[in-house]
Amino acid sequence: MPLWPKGVCELSKYIKRKIVHFIQAVLFVLFTGLGAGARLLKWERALGKLDPSEVHRILVIRLDLLGDMVNSMPAVAALHDRFPHARITMLTMPYTAAIPRQFSFVDEVLTLDPNIVRSPRNLLRPQTYMTFLKMGLRLRRERFDLCVSLFGLTASIFAFASGARQRIGYLRESYPYMFTDPIPGRRFDRRQHEVQWDLDLAAAAGASGAFRHPSLRVLPEPGIRVAARLAELGVCPGDRVIGIHGGAINGAAKRWPAMHWAALADRLIGDHGCKVILTGSASERHISDDIVARMSHTPIVLTGETDIDELLEVLARCDLVVSGDSGPLHLAVALGRPTVSIYGPTDPAIYGPTPKPGQKAVIIRRGLACSPCYNLLATAECPHGQPVCMIDVTVGQVLSASLELLEHVK
């Protein structure tokens, strides 16, 4: 009897894998055929770099995570510098749209969530495909001169749909023939930071590929709202405030254990008189609840209670932000805040913080032989079942690094 549920579970996983592989094969044939057909019928041609005077409309596509969006903005800034009179449109995930909207050189932000097809129910709904079709037609009407696809197969599809005269992206991150000027390889086929990978694509379009640090600011209205909210919660001028982000959307192996976060927060509150704020999205509320349940002291919990603009103000108010590899970590770094980050399955040389000169950003990792192990093909999950690379980072290590940085905070 105990074997039967396991057998059902394994059968279900097998069927799901087969369905996914079938859909992937259909999509490959469909979009390869479309791209090849366009090339054979000479609807388009490879142009090389466009003359800046010919570039009036630019589309930049980034349909993935918050931290990746932050790290993409230097490349968008480089494109603006090269084509200062061009109108720049960005296509992003709905929840990351607040980042490009901060920048005056981004004229329009369109949003789309390609992950809706991961739901079997949505996969069978005609409305799902109508949503994608409408976006493709919308992009086509804009008559873009240049499109830069910053990551992924889905982005390559919408780059192709845009009909931009020149379309740039990494060859192995697209279906065949989606780009007019594909760049060989894919990101992370050599050890280089995410910011530079995006800048290299901008350079392929004629912009400067010189490294730039991501930078963000706090907007006035969200800042006023959050300041009032923090005052209601007992945060006073002069208080030492520590932001803790215990979640990580793209894989459980990137998360430091809740018991460790709880012990760290208790020490910071009880022994050092700090105010601790737990941050995160609504989907990460259970992580914060788990941390709070293990604590002796009471932190301020703002998990699921802020939008991105409000989260920026919360992080800007923090004297220190402690996190795993997460979107809020990159937000804090871009705001110029001191950070302590805990890395395990992801490589900080690729995904780590990019502090500006003089900014403090301490990275703690165990450096086991099996880490880093994360790649772009799946979420960060430990192949051995338990992410020892994260579990073995001690509370004492993180506390010591945090207190050392706090000594230098004015």
Protein backbone atom coordinates (compact mmCIF):
# COMPACT_ATOMS: atom_id res chain seq x y z
CA MET A 1 0.00 0.00 0.00
CA PRO A 2 2.69 2.62 0.80
CA LEU A 3 4.18 2.09 -2.67
CA TRP A 4 0.97 2.99 -4.49
CA PRO A 5 0.88 6.75 -3.75
CA LYS A 6 4.57 6.95 -4.65
CA GLY A 7 3.83 5.19 -7.91
CA VAL A 8 0.98 7.61 -8.68
CA CYS A 9 3.21 10.55 -7.86
CA GLU A 10 6.00 9.31 -10.11
CA LEU A 11 3.53 8.61 -12.93
CA SER A 12 2.09 12.10 -12.61
CA LYS A 13 5.55 13.65 -12.79
CA TYR A 14 6.39 11.51 -15.82
CA ILE A 15 3.23 12.57 -17.63
CA LYS A 16 3.86 16.24 -16.83
CA ARG A 17 7.41 15.99 -18.15
CA LYS A 18 6.18 14.40 -21.36
CA ILE A 19 3.56 17.11 -21.81
CA VAL A 20 6.15 19.83 -21.23
CA HIS A 21 8.57 18.21 -23.69
CA PHE A 22 5.77 17.91 -26.27
CA ILE A 23 4.83 21.57 -25.89
CA GLN A 24 8.48 22.60 -26.13
CA ALA A 25 8.88 20.57 -29.32
CA VAL A 26 5.75 22.11 -30.86
CA LEU A 27 6.91 25.62 -29.99
CA PHE A 28 10.36 24.95 -31.42
CA VAL A 29 8.91 23.74 -34.74
CA LEU A 30 6.37 26.57 -34.86
CA PHE A 31 8.71 29.47 -34.21
CA THR A 32 11.62 28.02 -36.16
CA GLY A 33 9.26 27.70 -39.11
CA LEU A 34 8.05 31.28 -38.72
CA GLY A 35 11.58 32.65 -38.47
CA ALA A 36 12.90 30.59 -41.36
CA GLY A 37 9.92 31.55 -43.49
CA ALA A 38 10.50 35.23 -42.85
CA ARG A 39 14.16 34.86 -43.79
CA LEU A 40 13.46 32.82 -46.97
CA LEU A 41 10.79 35.23 -48.14
CA LYS A 42 13.25 38.08 -47.55
CA TRP A 43 10.91 39.93 -45.23
CA GLU A 44 13.99 41.03 -43.33
CA ARG A 45 17.75 41.03 -43.54
CA ALA A 46 20.69 41.32 -41.17
CA LEU A 47 21.67 44.99 -41.06
CA GLY A 48 24.69 45.23 -38.83
CA LYS A 49 24.78 48.25 -36.54
CA LEU A 50 22.21 50.91 -37.42
CA ASP A 51 23.29 54.48 -37.88
CA PRO A 52 22.21 56.41 -34.74
CA SER A 53 20.26 58.84 -36.94
CA GLU A 54 18.12 55.90 -38.13
CA VAL A 55 17.13 54.75 -34.64
CA HIS A 56 13.94 56.46 -33.53
CA ARG A 57 12.21 53.70 -31.57
CA ILE A 58 13.87 51.11 -29.32
CA LEU A 59 12.28 48.09 -27.62
CA VAL A 60 14.03 46.40 -24.67
CA ILE A 61 12.53 43.12 -23.41
CA ARG A 62 13.16 41.70 -19.92
CA LEU A 63 10.56 39.16 -18.78
CA ASP A 64 11.97 37.67 -15.60
CA LEU A 65 12.93 38.51 -12.01
CA LEU A 66 13.19 41.73 -10.01
CA GLY A 67 16.94 41.58 -9.36
CA ASP A 68 17.57 40.90 -13.05
CA MET A 69 15.54 43.97 -13.96
CA VAL A 70 17.65 46.11 -11.62
CA ASN A 71 20.82 44.74 -13.19
CA SER A 72 19.46 45.41 -16.69
CA MET A 73 19.03 49.14 -16.28
CA PRO A 74 22.70 50.08 -16.90
CA ALA A 75 22.34 48.50 -20.36
CA VAL A 76 19.18 50.52 -21.04
CA ALA A 77 20.99 53.67 -19.91
CA ALA A 78 23.83 52.84 -22.30
CA LEU A 79 21.34 52.53 -25.18
CA HIS A 80 19.87 55.91 -24.26
CA ASP A 81 23.32 57.50 -24.25
CA ARG A 82 24.04 56.09 -27.72
CA PHE A 83 20.63 56.99 -29.14
CA PRO A 84 19.60 60.02 -27.05
CA HIS A 85 16.70 61.06 -29.27
CA ALA A 86 15.15 57.61 -29.59
CA ARG A 87 11.94 56.66 -27.81
CA ILE A 88 12.59 53.69 -25.50
CA THR A 89 9.85 51.17 -24.68
CA MET A 90 10.38 48.31 -22.25
CA LEU A 91 8.38 45.08 -22.03
CA THR A 92 8.57 43.67 -18.50
CA MET A 93 6.81 41.50 -15.98
CA PRO A 94 3.99 43.37 -14.18
CA TYR A 95 5.70 43.27 -10.80
CA THR A 96 9.06 44.57 -12.10
CA ALA A 97 7.60 47.49 -14.08
CA ALA A 98 8.19 49.96 -11.23
CA ILE A 99 11.95 49.76 -11.82
CA PRO A 100 12.15 51.10 -15.40
CA ARG A 101 9.41 53.63 -14.60
CA GLN A 102 11.93 55.33 -12.31
CA PHE A 103 14.03 56.40 -15.27
CA SER A 104 13.13 59.43 -17.36
CA PHE A 105 14.80 57.96 -20.45
CA VAL A 106 12.27 55.07 -20.48
CA ASP A 107 9.28 56.53 -22.30
CA GLU A 108 6.85 53.61 -21.99
CA VAL A 109 6.62 50.37 -20.00
CA LEU A 110 4.41 47.54 -21.27
CA THR A 111 3.75 44.52 -19.07
CA LEU A 112 3.11 40.85 -19.71
CA ASP A 113 3.33 37.77 -17.50
CA PRO A 114 4.44 34.83 -19.67
CA ASN A 115 4.28 32.54 -16.63
CA ILE A 116 0.50 32.29 -16.93
CA VAL A 117 1.01 29.40 -19.36
CA ARG A 118 2.51 27.35 -16.52
CA SER A 119 -0.99 26.83 -15.17
CA PRO A 120 -2.75 23.92 -16.94
CA ARG A 121 -6.02 25.84 -16.71
CA ASN A 122 -4.57 28.93 -18.40
CA LEU A 123 -2.79 26.76 -20.95
CA LEU A 124 -6.18 25.61 -22.24
CA ARG A 125 -7.86 29.02 -22.21
CA PRO A 126 -8.11 30.86 -25.56
CA GLN A 127 -7.85 34.13 -23.63
CA THR A 128 -4.25 33.28 -22.72
CA TYR A 129 -3.24 33.16 -26.37
CA MET A 130 -5.30 36.25 -27.18
CA THR A 131 -3.30 38.12 -24.54
CA PHE A 132 -0.03 37.09 -26.20
CA LEU A 133 -1.37 37.83 -29.68
CA LYS A 134 -2.56 41.30 -28.69
CA MET A 135 0.83 42.12 -27.25
CA GLY A 136 2.58 40.88 -30.38
CA LEU A 137 0.32 43.03 -32.57
CA ARG A 138 0.80 46.01 -30.27
CA LEU A 139 4.57 45.73 -30.63
CA ARG A 140 4.27 45.31 -34.39
CA ARG A 141 2.31 48.55 -34.72
CA GLU A 142 5.09 50.50 -33.01
CA ARG A 143 7.48 49.88 -35.93
CA PHE A 144 10.60 49.65 -33.78
CA ASP A 145 13.97 50.24 -35.37
CA LEU A 146 15.94 48.34 -32.74
CA CYS A 147 15.00 45.60 -30.28
CA VAL A 148 17.30 44.19 -27.59
CA SER A 149 16.12 40.93 -26.00
CA LEU A 150 17.86 40.70 -22.65
CA PHE A 151 16.92 37.17 -21.68
CA GLY A 152 14.96 34.09 -22.63
CA LEU A 153 13.02 32.20 -25.28
CA THR A 154 9.80 34.11 -24.63
CA ALA A 155 11.57 37.43 -25.06
CA SER A 156 12.96 36.23 -28.39
CA ILE A 157 9.43 35.48 -29.61
CA PHE A 158 8.23 38.99 -28.83
CA ALA A 159 11.38 40.44 -30.35
CA PHE A 160 10.49 38.62 -33.57
CA ALA A 161 6.85 39.67 -33.29
CA SER A 162 7.90 43.32 -32.99
CA GLY A 163 9.30 43.26 -36.50
CA ALA A 164 12.09 45.61 -35.44
CA ARG A 165 14.57 46.23 -38.24
CA GLN A 166 17.42 45.06 -36.04
CA ARG A 167 16.91 42.52 -33.29
CA ILE A 168 19.73 41.57 -30.95
CA GLY A 169 20.00 38.83 -28.34
CA TYR A 170 22.02 35.77 -27.43
CA LEU A 171 21.71 33.02 -30.02
CA ARG A 172 21.26 30.19 -27.50
CA GLU A 173 18.54 32.11 -25.66
CA SER A 174 16.18 32.20 -28.63
CA TYR A 175 14.41 30.11 -31.20
CA PRO A 176 16.28 30.02 -34.53
CA TYR A 177 15.89 33.09 -36.77
CA MET A 178 14.18 35.23 -34.13
CA PHE A 179 17.03 37.76 -34.19
CA THR A 180 18.48 39.55 -37.20
CA ASP A 181 21.83 39.89 -35.44
CA PRO A 182 22.24 37.11 -32.86
CA ILE A 183 25.22 37.19 -30.52
CA PRO A 184 26.96 33.79 -30.26
CA GLY A 185 26.47 31.72 -27.12
CA ARG A 186 24.35 32.50 -24.08
CA ARG A 187 24.84 34.37 -20.86
CA PHE A 188 26.89 32.65 -18.19
CA ASP A 189 28.71 30.38 -20.62
CA ARG A 190 31.66 32.16 -19.06
CA ARG A 191 31.97 33.71 -15.58
CA GLN A 192 30.82 37.30 -15.90
CA HIS A 193 28.39 39.44 -13.93
CA GLU A 194 24.77 39.75 -15.07
CA VAL A 195 25.19 43.53 -15.45
CA GLN A 196 28.02 43.02 -17.93
CA TRP A 197 26.12 40.39 -19.92
CA ASP A 198 23.36 42.94 -20.52
CA LEU A 199 25.86 45.69 -21.31
CA ASP A 200 27.47 43.41 -23.90
CA LEU A 201 24.12 43.24 -25.71
CA ALA A 202 23.86 47.02 -25.61
CA ALA A 203 27.40 47.16 -27.02
CA ALA A 204 26.32 44.90 -29.90
CA ALA A 205 23.78 47.58 -30.76
CA GLY A 206 26.49 50.22 -30.86
CA ALA A 207 26.33 51.49 -27.27
CA SER A 208 29.15 51.53 -24.74
CA GLY A 209 29.73 48.24 -22.95
CA ALA A 210 31.72 49.84 -20.13
CA PHE A 211 30.58 48.65 -16.70
CA ARG A 212 28.05 50.80 -14.84
CA HIS A 213 26.63 50.33 -11.37
CA PRO A 214 22.84 49.96 -11.03
CA SER A 215 21.36 52.93 -9.22
CA LEU A 216 17.84 53.57 -7.89
CA ARG A 217 16.13 56.31 -5.89
CA VAL A 218 13.13 56.75 -3.64
CA LEU A 219 10.13 58.53 -5.15
CA PRO A 220 8.52 61.32 -3.07
CA GLU A 221 4.95 60.03 -2.65
CA PRO A 222 5.79 56.43 -1.62
CA GLY A 223 8.49 57.87 0.63
CA ILE A 224 5.96 59.98 2.52
CA ARG A 225 3.57 57.04 2.91
CA VAL A 226 6.23 54.68 4.20
CA ALA A 227 7.76 57.24 6.56
CA ALA A 228 4.35 57.72 8.17
CA ARG A 229 3.80 53.96 8.37
CA LEU A 230 7.19 53.33 10.00
CA ALA A 231 6.53 56.08 12.53
CA GLU A 232 3.23 54.37 13.44
CA LEU A 233 5.17 51.13 13.95
CA GLY A 234 7.56 52.78 16.38
CA VAL A 235 10.55 53.52 14.18
CA CYS A 236 12.00 56.79 15.45
CA PRO A 237 14.74 59.05 14.09
CA GLY A 238 18.07 57.75 15.30
CA ASP A 239 16.91 54.11 15.60
CA ARG A 240 19.20 51.50 14.10
CA VAL A 241 17.04 49.73 11.53
CA ILE A 242 17.96 46.38 9.98
CA GLY A 243 16.08 45.05 6.97
CA ILE A 244 15.89 41.28 6.71
CA HIS A 245 14.67 39.55 3.58
CA GLY A 246 14.30 35.83 4.26
CA GLY A 247 12.76 34.82 0.94
CA ALA A 248 14.06 34.05 -2.53
CA ILE A 249 11.50 33.57 -5.28
CA ASN A 250 13.64 31.62 -7.73
CA GLY A 251 14.36 28.53 -5.64
CA ALA A 252 14.22 27.28 -2.06
CA ALA A 253 17.93 26.42 -1.98
CA LYS A 254 18.77 30.13 -1.99
CA ARG A 255 17.03 30.62 1.37
CA TRP A 256 18.88 30.69 4.67
CA PRO A 257 16.91 28.58 7.22
CA ALA A 258 14.11 30.34 9.13
CA MET A 259 15.63 29.26 12.46
CA HIS A 260 18.85 31.10 11.53
CA TRP A 261 16.99 34.27 10.56
CA ALA A 262 15.02 34.12 13.81
CA ALA A 263 18.17 33.75 15.91
CA LEU A 264 19.88 36.61 14.05
CA ALA A 265 16.88 38.93 14.44
CA ASP A 266 16.58 38.10 18.15
CA ARG A 267 20.24 38.92 18.73
CA LEU A 268 19.98 42.20 16.82
CA ILE A 269 16.88 43.25 18.76
CA GLY A 270 17.66 41.86 22.21
CA ASP A 271 21.42 42.34 22.45
CA HIS A 272 21.97 45.38 20.24
CA GLY A 273 18.73 47.38 20.42
CA CYS A 274 18.04 47.38 16.69
CA LYS A 275 14.65 47.62 15.03
CA VAL A 276 14.29 44.70 12.60
CA ILE A 277 11.98 44.88 9.58
CA LEU A 278 11.03 41.72 7.68
CA THR A 279 10.38 42.37 3.99
CA GLY A 280 9.04 40.33 1.10
CA SER A 281 6.15 39.81 -1.27
CA ALA A 282 2.74 38.44 -0.35
CA SER A 283 3.82 35.01 -1.65
CA GLU A 284 6.66 35.05 0.90
CA ARG A 285 4.47 35.84 3.90
CA HIS A 286 4.67 32.23 5.11
CA ILE A 287 8.46 32.60 5.31
CA SER A 288 8.20 35.67 7.52
CA ASP A 289 5.52 33.97 9.63
CA ASP A 290 7.88 31.03 10.15
CA ILE A 291 10.68 33.36 11.23
CA VAL A 292 8.43 35.29 13.66
CA ALA A 293 7.10 32.04 15.17
CA ARG A 294 10.66 31.06 16.14
CA MET A 295 11.57 34.43 17.69
CA SER A 296 11.51 35.63 21.30
CA HIS A 297 11.32 39.30 20.32
CA THR A 298 8.87 41.01 17.97
CA PRO A 299 10.10 42.39 14.64
CA ILE A 300 8.22 44.72 12.32
CA VAL A 301 6.65 42.64 9.56
CA LEU A 302 6.04 44.41 6.24
CA THR A 303 6.07 41.26 4.12
CA GLY A 304 3.32 41.52 1.53
CA GLU A 305 2.39 45.06 2.65
CA THR A 306 4.45 47.16 0.24
CA ASP A 307 4.63 47.64 -3.50
CA ILE A 308 8.05 48.01 -5.12
CA ASP A 309 8.19 51.79 -4.74
CA GLU A 310 7.29 51.50 -1.05
CA LEU A 311 9.80 48.69 -0.56
CA LEU A 312 12.50 50.99 -1.92
CA GLU A 313 11.69 53.52 0.79
CA VAL A 314 11.77 50.82 3.48
CA LEU A 315 15.19 49.63 2.30
CA ALA A 316 16.48 53.20 2.02
CA ARG A 317 15.55 53.77 5.67
CA CYS A 318 17.55 50.70 6.77
CA ASP A 319 21.04 51.15 8.15
CA LEU A 320 21.79 47.63 6.93
CA VAL A 321 20.02 45.06 4.75
CA VAL A 322 20.67 41.33 5.28
CA SER A 323 19.42 38.89 2.64
CA GLY A 324 20.12 35.86 0.53
CA ASP A 325 20.44 36.21 -3.24
CA SER A 326 17.17 38.05 -3.90
CA GLY A 327 15.57 40.97 -5.69
CA PRO A 328 15.41 43.15 -2.55
CA LEU A 329 19.15 42.62 -2.04
CA HIS A 330 19.81 44.17 -5.45
CA LEU A 331 17.35 46.97 -4.70
CA ALA A 332 19.25 47.77 -1.50
CA VAL A 333 22.61 47.76 -3.27
CA ALA A 334 21.25 50.04 -6.03
CA LEU A 335 20.04 52.40 -3.29
CA GLY A 336 23.56 52.55 -1.87
CA ARG A 337 22.72 50.76 1.38
CA PRO A 338 25.25 48.54 3.22
CA THR A 339 24.40 44.87 2.80
CA VAL A 340 25.31 41.45 4.13
CA SER A 341 24.30 38.69 1.72
CA ILE A 342 24.36 34.91 2.07
CA TYR A 343 25.15 32.91 -1.07
CA GLY A 344 25.08 29.18 -1.71
CA PRO A 345 23.81 27.68 -4.99
CA THR A 346 24.28 30.91 -6.94
CA ASP A 347 27.67 32.34 -7.89
CA PRO A 348 28.22 35.86 -6.50
CA ALA A 349 30.62 36.59 -9.36
CA ILE A 350 27.57 36.36 -11.64
CA TYR A 351 24.60 37.17 -9.42
CA GLY A 352 26.19 39.04 -6.53
CA PRO A 353 25.82 42.66 -5.41
CA THR A 354 27.59 45.38 -7.40
CA PRO A 355 28.44 48.03 -4.80
CA LYS A 356 29.59 51.46 -5.86
CA PRO A 357 33.07 52.58 -4.78
CA GLY A 358 33.11 53.00 -1.01
CA GLN A 359 29.82 51.13 -0.51
CA LYS A 360 29.92 48.17 1.89
CA ALA A 361 28.61 44.84 0.60
CA VAL A 362 29.76 41.74 2.47
CA ILE A 363 29.14 38.31 0.92
CA ILE A 364 29.15 35.19 3.13
CA ARG A 365 29.30 31.73 1.61
CA ARG A 366 30.63 28.30 2.54
CA GLY A 367 32.27 27.59 -0.80
CA LEU A 368 31.56 23.84 -0.82
CA ALA A 369 32.79 21.71 -3.71
CA CYS A 370 29.21 21.26 -4.96
CA SER A 371 28.42 24.99 -5.04
CA PRO A 372 27.64 27.06 -6.93
CA CYS A 373 25.31 24.67 -8.71
CA TYR A 374 22.56 26.91 -10.08
CA ASN A 375 22.02 27.28 -13.82
CA LEU A 376 19.34 28.95 -15.92
CA LEU A 377 17.49 25.73 -16.78
CA ALA A 378 15.51 25.49 -13.53
CA THR A 379 14.93 27.14 -10.18
CA ALA A 380 17.61 26.88 -7.49
CA GLU A 381 16.87 23.57 -5.75
CA CYS A 382 19.45 21.44 -3.98
CA PRO A 383 20.19 18.23 -5.95
CA HIS A 384 21.15 16.56 -2.64
CA GLY A 385 17.90 17.46 -0.87
CA GLN A 386 19.43 19.74 1.77
CA PRO A 387 21.29 22.96 0.81
CA VAL A 388 24.22 22.46 3.18
CA CYS A 389 25.94 25.43 1.55
CA MET A 390 23.26 27.65 3.13
CA ILE A 391 22.53 25.70 6.32
CA ASP A 392 26.20 25.69 7.34
CA VAL A 393 26.50 29.49 7.25
CA THR A 394 26.25 30.27 10.96
CA VAL A 395 24.28 32.93 12.76
CA GLY A 396 27.52 34.06 14.38
CA GLN A 397 29.14 34.70 10.99
CA VAL A 398 26.25 36.82 9.76
CA LEU A 399 25.87 38.66 13.08
CA SER A 400 29.58 39.48 13.22
CA ALA A 401 29.56 40.85 9.65
CA SER A 402 26.40 42.85 10.38
CA LEU A 403 27.77 44.45 13.54
CA GLU A 404 31.04 45.32 11.82
CA LEU A 405 29.18 47.15 9.06
CA LEU A 406 26.91 48.92 11.55
CA GLU A 407 29.99 50.41 13.22
CA HIS A 408 30.68 52.33 10.02
CA VAL A 409 27.12 53.55 9.41
CA LYS A 410 26.72 57.22 10.18
